[in-house]
C-alpha atoms as a PDB file:
ATOM      1  CA  UNK A   1       0.000   0.000   0.000  1.00  0.00           C
ATOM      2  CA  UNK A   2       1.039   3.553  -0.582  1.00  0.00           C
ATOM      3  CA  UNK A   3       2.424   4.794   2.745  1.00  0.00           C
ATOM      4  CA  UNK A   4       1.806   8.429   1.723  1.00  0.00           C
ATOM      5  CA  UNK A   5      -1.996   8.157   1.990  1.00  0.00           C
ATOM      6  CA  UNK A   6      -2.837   9.005   5.612  1.00  0.00           C
ATOM      7  CA  UNK A   7      -6.539   9.591   4.882  1.00  0.00           C
ATOM      8  CA  UNK A   8      -7.366   5.919   4.461  1.00  0.00           C
ATOM      9  CA  UNK A   9      -8.394   2.821   6.326  1.00  0.00           C
ATOM     10  CA  UNK A  10      -8.001  -0.799   5.217  1.00  0.00           C
ATOM     11  CA  UNK A  11      -9.818  -3.843   6.596  1.00  0.00           C
ATOM     12  CA  UNK A  12      -9.729  -7.456   5.446  1.00  0.00           C
ATOM     13  CA  UNK A  13     -12.518  -7.022   2.894  1.00  0.00           C
ATOM     14  CA  UNK A  14     -13.027  -3.268   2.695  1.00  0.00           C
ATOM     15  CA  UNK A  15     -11.089  -0.103   1.985  1.00  0.00           C
ATOM     16  CA  UNK A  16     -12.003   3.468   2.766  1.00  0.00           C
ATOM     17  CA  UNK A  17     -10.245   6.547   1.389  1.00  0.00           C
ATOM     18  CA  UNK A  18     -11.138  10.204   1.317  1.00  0.00           C
ATOM     19  CA  UNK A  19      -9.868  13.430  -0.160  1.00  0.00           C
ATOM     20  CA  UNK A  20     -10.824  17.070   0.240  1.00  0.00           C
ATOM     21  CA  UNK A  21     -11.253  18.700  -3.170  1.00  0.00           C
ATOM     22  CA  UNK A  22     -11.472  22.457  -3.749  1.00  0.00           C
ATOM     23  CA  UNK A  23     -14.692  22.372  -5.780  1.00  0.00           C
ATOM     24  CA  UNK A  24     -18.424  22.336  -5.060  1.00  0.00           C
ATOM     25  CA  UNK A  25     -20.137  18.981  -4.517  1.00  0.00           C
ATOM     26  CA  UNK A  26     -22.324  19.287  -7.631  1.00  0.00           C
ATOM     27  CA  UNK A  27     -19.270  19.502  -9.905  1.00  0.00           C
ATOM     28  CA  UNK A  28     -17.466  16.622  -8.190  1.00  0.00           C
ATOM     29  CA  UNK A  29     -20.608  14.475  -8.073  1.00  0.00           C
ATOM     30  CA  UNK A  30     -21.343  15.031 -11.763  1.00  0.00           C
ATOM     31  CA  UNK A  31     -17.781  13.979 -12.651  1.00  0.00           C
ATOM     32  CA  UNK A  32     -18.723  10.451 -11.500  1.00  0.00           C
ATOM     33  CA  UNK A  33     -21.756  10.228 -13.794  1.00  0.00           C
ATOM     34  CA  UNK A  34     -20.430  11.781 -17.003  1.00  0.00           C
ATOM     35  CA  UNK A  35     -18.511   9.337 -19.213  1.00  0.00           C
ATOM     36  CA  UNK A  36     -16.263  11.996 -20.764  1.00  0.00           C
ATOM     37  CA  UNK A  37     -15.308  13.424 -17.382  1.00  0.00           C
ATOM     38  CA  UNK A  38     -14.857   9.981 -15.829  1.00  0.00           C
ATOM     39  CA  UNK A  39     -12.352   8.947 -18.480  1.00  0.00           C
ATOM     40  CA  UNK A  40     -10.253  11.986 -17.566  1.00  0.00           C
ATOM     41  CA  UNK A  41      -9.574  10.841 -14.015  1.00  0.00           C
ATOM     42  CA  UNK A  42     -10.594   7.235 -13.344  1.00  0.00           C
ATOM     43  CA  UNK A  43      -7.489   5.465 -14.556  1.00  0.00           C
ATOM     44  CA  UNK A  44      -5.217   5.016 -11.567  1.00  0.00           C
ATOM     45  CA  UNK A  45      -1.513   4.362 -12.042  1.00  0.00           C
ATOM     46  CA  UNK A  46      -0.280   2.151 -13.652  1.00  0.00           C
ATOM     47  CA  UNK A  47      -3.231   2.187 -16.094  1.00  0.00           C
ATOM     48  CA  UNK A  48      -2.777   4.689 -18.907  1.00  0.00           C
ATOM     49  CA  UNK A  49      -6.331   5.619 -19.863  1.00  0.00           C
ATOM     50  CA  UNK A  50      -9.884   4.324 -19.871  1.00  0.00           C
ATOM     51  CA  UNK A  51     -13.127   4.321 -21.804  1.00  0.00           C
ATOM     52  CA  UNK A  52     -16.549   4.461 -20.211  1.00  0.00           C
ATOM     53  CA  UNK A  53     -20.140   3.698 -21.094  1.00  0.00           C
ATOM     54  CA  UNK A  54     -22.671   4.772 -18.468  1.00  0.00           C
ATOM     55  CA  UNK A  55     -26.421   4.491 -17.987  1.00  0.00           C
ATOM     56  CA  UNK A  56     -26.377   6.905 -15.048  1.00  0.00           C
ATOM     57  CA  UNK A  57     -29.668   6.120 -13.333  1.00  0.00           C
ATOM     58  CA  UNK A  58     -30.634   3.897 -10.435  1.00  0.00           C
ATOM     59  CA  UNK A  59     -30.711   0.376 -11.854  1.00  0.00           C
ATOM     60  CA  UNK A  60     -28.593   1.456 -14.839  1.00  0.00           C
ATOM     61  CA  UNK A  61     -25.239  -0.095 -15.543  1.00  0.00           C
ATOM     62  CA  UNK A  62     -21.763   0.969 -16.524  1.00  0.00           C
ATOM     63  CA  UNK A  63     -18.651  -0.430 -18.137  1.00  0.00           C
ATOM     64  CA  UNK A  64     -15.294   1.202 -17.558  1.00  0.00           C
ATOM     65  CA  UNK A  65     -12.374  -0.293 -19.439  1.00  0.00           C
ATOM     66  CA  UNK A  66      -8.974   0.642 -18.037  1.00  0.00           C
ATOM     67  CA  UNK A  67      -5.868  -0.099 -20.087  1.00  0.00           C
ATOM     68  CA  UNK A  68      -2.688  -1.548 -18.627  1.00  0.00           C
ATOM     69  CA  UNK A  69       0.215  -2.183 -21.009  1.00  0.00           C
ATOM     70  CA  UNK A  70      -2.293  -1.901 -23.861  1.00  0.00           C
ATOM     71  CA  UNK A  71      -4.471  -4.652 -22.413  1.00  0.00           C
ATOM     72  CA  UNK A  72      -8.118  -3.914 -21.550  1.00  0.00           C
ATOM     73  CA  UNK A  73      -9.280  -4.402 -17.947  1.00  0.00           C
ATOM     74  CA  UNK A  74     -13.095  -4.243 -17.923  1.00  0.00           C
ATOM     75  CA  UNK A  75     -14.869  -2.984 -14.799  1.00  0.00           C
ATOM     76  CA  UNK A  76     -18.651  -3.321 -14.689  1.00  0.00           C
ATOM     77  CA  UNK A  77     -21.436  -2.544 -12.288  1.00  0.00           C
ATOM     78  CA  UNK A  78     -24.863  -1.093 -11.739  1.00  0.00           C
ATOM     79  CA  UNK A  79     -26.043   1.967  -9.900  1.00  0.00           C
ATOM     80  CA  UNK A  80     -27.975   1.156  -6.727  1.00  0.00           C
ATOM     81  CA  UNK A  81     -28.446   4.662  -5.309  1.00  0.00           C
ATOM     82  CA  UNK A  82     -27.946   8.092  -6.848  1.00  0.00           C
ATOM     83  CA  UNK A  83     -28.627  10.853  -4.326  1.00  0.00           C
ATOM     84  CA  UNK A  84     -27.741  14.044  -6.195  1.00  0.00           C
ATOM     85  CA  UNK A  85     -24.629  15.715  -4.848  1.00  0.00           C
ATOM     86  CA  UNK A  86     -24.515  13.630  -1.642  1.00  0.00           C
ATOM     87  CA  UNK A  87     -24.069   9.904  -2.348  1.00  0.00           C
ATOM     88  CA  UNK A  88     -23.508   7.266  -5.026  1.00  0.00           C
ATOM     89  CA  UNK A  89     -23.774   3.533  -4.368  1.00  0.00           C
ATOM     90  CA  UNK A  90     -22.887   1.032  -7.069  1.00  0.00           C
ATOM     91  CA  UNK A  91     -21.666  -2.485  -7.597  1.00  0.00           C
ATOM     92  CA  UNK A  92     -18.163  -3.075  -8.998  1.00  0.00           C
ATOM     93  CA  UNK A  93     -16.730  -6.188 -10.656  1.00  0.00           C
ATOM     94  CA  UNK A  94     -13.306  -6.377 -12.250  1.00  0.00           C
ATOM     95  CA  UNK A  95     -10.401  -8.743 -12.834  1.00  0.00           C
ATOM     96  CA  UNK A  96      -9.033  -7.651  -9.427  1.00  0.00           C
ATOM     97  CA  UNK A  97     -12.269  -8.754  -7.695  1.00  0.00           C
ATOM     98  CA  UNK A  98     -12.183 -12.039  -9.628  1.00  0.00           C
ATOM     99  CA  UNK A  99     -15.307 -10.728 -11.446  1.00  0.00           C
ATOM    100  CA  UNK A 100     -17.236 -11.002  -8.180  1.00  0.00           C
ATOM    101  CA  UNK A 101     -19.629  -8.166  -7.441  1.00  0.00           C
ATOM    102  CA  UNK A 102     -18.387  -5.780  -4.741  1.00  0.00           C
ATOM    103  CA  UNK A 103     -20.016  -2.654  -3.319  1.00  0.00           C
ATOM    104  CA  UNK A 104     -18.780   0.947  -3.602  1.00  0.00           C
ATOM    105  CA  UNK A 105     -20.285   3.877  -1.687  1.00  0.00           C
ATOM    106  CA  UNK A 106     -19.131   7.396  -2.504  1.00  0.00           C
ATOM    107  CA  UNK A 107     -20.141  10.167  -0.104  1.00  0.00           C
ATOM    108  CA  UNK A 108     -19.858  13.864  -0.948  1.00  0.00           C
ATOM    109  CA  UNK A 109     -19.789  16.409   1.876  1.00  0.00           C
ATOM    110  CA  UNK A 110     -19.542  20.056   0.868  1.00  0.00           C
ATOM    111  CA  UNK A 111     -18.247  22.712   3.248  1.00  0.00           C
ATOM    112  CA  UNK A 112     -17.604  26.281   2.124  1.00  0.00           C
ATOM    113  CA  UNK A 113     -17.175  25.375  -1.547  1.00  0.00           C
ATOM    114  CA  UNK A 114     -14.869  22.409  -0.884  1.00  0.00           C
ATOM    115  CA  UNK A 115     -15.994  18.795  -1.039  1.00  0.00           C
ATOM    116  CA  UNK A 116     -14.819  15.833   0.994  1.00  0.00           C
ATOM    117  CA  UNK A 117     -15.154  12.727  -1.179  1.00  0.00           C
ATOM    118  CA  UNK A 118     -15.147   9.446   0.751  1.00  0.00           C
ATOM    119  CA  UNK A 119     -14.978   6.148  -1.129  1.00  0.00           C
ATOM    120  CA  UNK A 120     -15.846   2.971   0.784  1.00  0.00           C
ATOM    121  CA  UNK A 121     -15.290  -0.234  -1.189  1.00  0.00           C
ATOM    122  CA  UNK A 122     -16.732  -3.329   0.500  1.00  0.00           C
ATOM    123  CA  UNK A 123     -17.118  -7.049  -0.148  1.00  0.00           C
ATOM    124  CA  UNK A 124     -13.644  -7.328  -1.684  1.00  0.00           C
ATOM    125  CA  UNK A 125     -12.031 -10.756  -1.900  1.00  0.00           C
ATOM    126  CA  UNK A 126     -10.349 -11.579   1.391  1.00  0.00           C
ATOM    127  CA  UNK A 127      -6.683 -11.007   0.663  1.00  0.00           C
ATOM    128  CA  UNK A 128      -4.365  -8.161   1.500  1.00  0.00           C
ATOM    129  CA  UNK A 129      -3.117  -7.725  -2.063  1.00  0.00           C
ATOM    130  CA  UNK A 130      -6.627  -7.004  -3.373  1.00  0.00           C
ATOM    131  CA  UNK A 131      -7.358  -4.591  -0.521  1.00  0.00           C
ATOM    132  CA  UNK A 132      -4.058  -2.782  -1.077  1.00  0.00           C
ATOM    133  CA  UNK A 133      -4.518  -2.510  -4.842  1.00  0.00           C
ATOM    134  CA  UNK A 134      -8.017  -1.048  -4.402  1.00  0.00           C
ATOM    135  CA  UNK A 135      -6.819   1.323  -1.666  1.00  0.00           C
ATOM    136  CA  UNK A 136      -4.059   2.595  -3.933  1.00  0.00           C
ATOM    137  CA  UNK A 137      -6.348   2.702  -6.978  1.00  0.00           C
ATOM    138  CA  UNK A 138      -9.069   4.770  -5.292  1.00  0.00           C
ATOM    139  CA  UNK A 139      -6.460   7.035  -3.666  1.00  0.00           C
ATOM    140  CA  UNK A 140      -4.867   7.699  -7.051  1.00  0.00           C
ATOM    141  CA  UNK A 141      -8.229   8.190  -8.772  1.00  0.00           C
ATOM    142  CA  UNK A 142      -9.258  10.798  -6.189  1.00  0.00           C
ATOM    143  CA  UNK A 143      -5.913  12.544  -6.648  1.00  0.00           C
ATOM    144  CA  UNK A 144      -6.554  12.735 -10.386  1.00  0.00           C
ATOM    145  CA  UNK A 145     -10.129  13.941  -9.805  1.00  0.00           C
ATOM    146  CA  UNK A 146      -8.701  16.672  -7.578  1.00  0.00           C
ATOM    147  CA  UNK A 147      -6.230  17.657 -10.318  1.00  0.00           C
ATOM    148  CA  UNK A 148      -9.021  17.722 -12.923  1.00  0.00           C
ATOM    149  CA  UNK A 149     -11.188  19.903 -10.658  1.00  0.00           C
ATOM    150  CA  UNK A 150      -8.247  22.305 -10.160  1.00  0.00           C
ATOM    151  CA  UNK A 151      -7.705  22.687 -13.918  1.00  0.00           C
ATOM    152  CA  UNK A 152     -11.423  23.342 -14.483  1.00  0.00           C
ATOM    153  CA  UNK A 153     -11.431  25.983 -11.731  1.00  0.00           C
ATOM    154  CA  UNK A 154      -8.393  27.781 -13.203  1.00  0.00           C
END
């Protein structure tokens, strides 16, 4: 795991990370539900880029394909809860979860124009390597979302 991520917690089958981003919650929230925006930040190192197809409604699905060394890594899921500007809950299956459905909750808490984004990823396979890779992946994704928000604000 990345030792430079103090705002995180790892359990046997869950990870939780958060980041404070200098942008309003509506902008940050919408970045999770817009395919073009999502492809700009949801490709944690060492992936190089991603493509996304979203049906951004409760019960709708998504496919995010991240690329590692030119090889596609498909991530799929469905939206369980979409509470505008406060919370997203969706399933998540990928090669790293052994294609088993896991659960991701993203909470958005705005204070004075800044937004704390908290990602809780549960029901991960029970091994430290999977937990660590998801911890690092979500930490890096939030860093990139923060960078994207900063460039849009400039």
